[in-house]
Amino acid sequence: MQDVELLQAWRRGDRAAGEELFERHYPMVERFFRNKATEPEELIQRTFLGCIDASVRFRGESTFRAFLLGVATNALRDHYRRFLRHEGIETLDAASMKDLGQTPSRVIAKKEQERLLLEGLRRLPVGLQLVLELRYWEDLDQEELAQILGLPRSTVNTRLRRARELLEKHVGELAASTEMLHSTITRLDDWVELQRQQRPAAPGERQG
């Protein structure tokens, strides 16, 4: 069955359809949260349950992946809203994960360049981190990014460009040499591919 058909069946009470969707898309949702929350499991569960409520607004105008990542983005914003009010920060886009005191749940950085990229991403304002990771991690196009983030395509393009510039700036501040800076930034695509390949097991697969 297609994702949309499974979603419709889940809404009608077919638990097996919901489990199938969960198994199919758990790696993507886990990847979305792994660099944005210390303990992402609650947010992952909230995302999948939230897609049932949000499904009444899903008419197939975008891919199911984009729809689900939009739900995940809203779950992330809701999760940090109370903290932001307490700290006097107006929006999540005005803070970074470093500002929020979050550490990655599971991002493997085997080399110094990878560690620098990870730390550089955590220093970006969350809005810029989101657009960069969604573009590179999930290979989404500008139209899908615009739908997920609720922004015009021109704004998405501007944010992508600004995110790359800021990432290079932060990595430059962290790098020990200009050679390390260059090799780190030019390896962004390679590192992203490595993270994609690190498929986490869905909870049902972890037994045994």
Foldseek 3Di string as FASTA:
>chain_A
DFLLVLLVVVLVPDVVSLVVNCQVCVQVLCLLCQLQAQDCPVLSVQLSVVCNVVVVVDDPPDGVVLVSVLSSVVSSQVVCVVVCVVVVHDGQQVAFSVRVVGGGNDQDDPDPLSVLLSVLLRRHRVVLSNLQCCCQLVVDDLVSVCVSVVHDSVVSVVSPVVSLVSSLVSSVVVDPDVVSSVVSSVCPNVSSVVSNVPGDGRPVPPDD
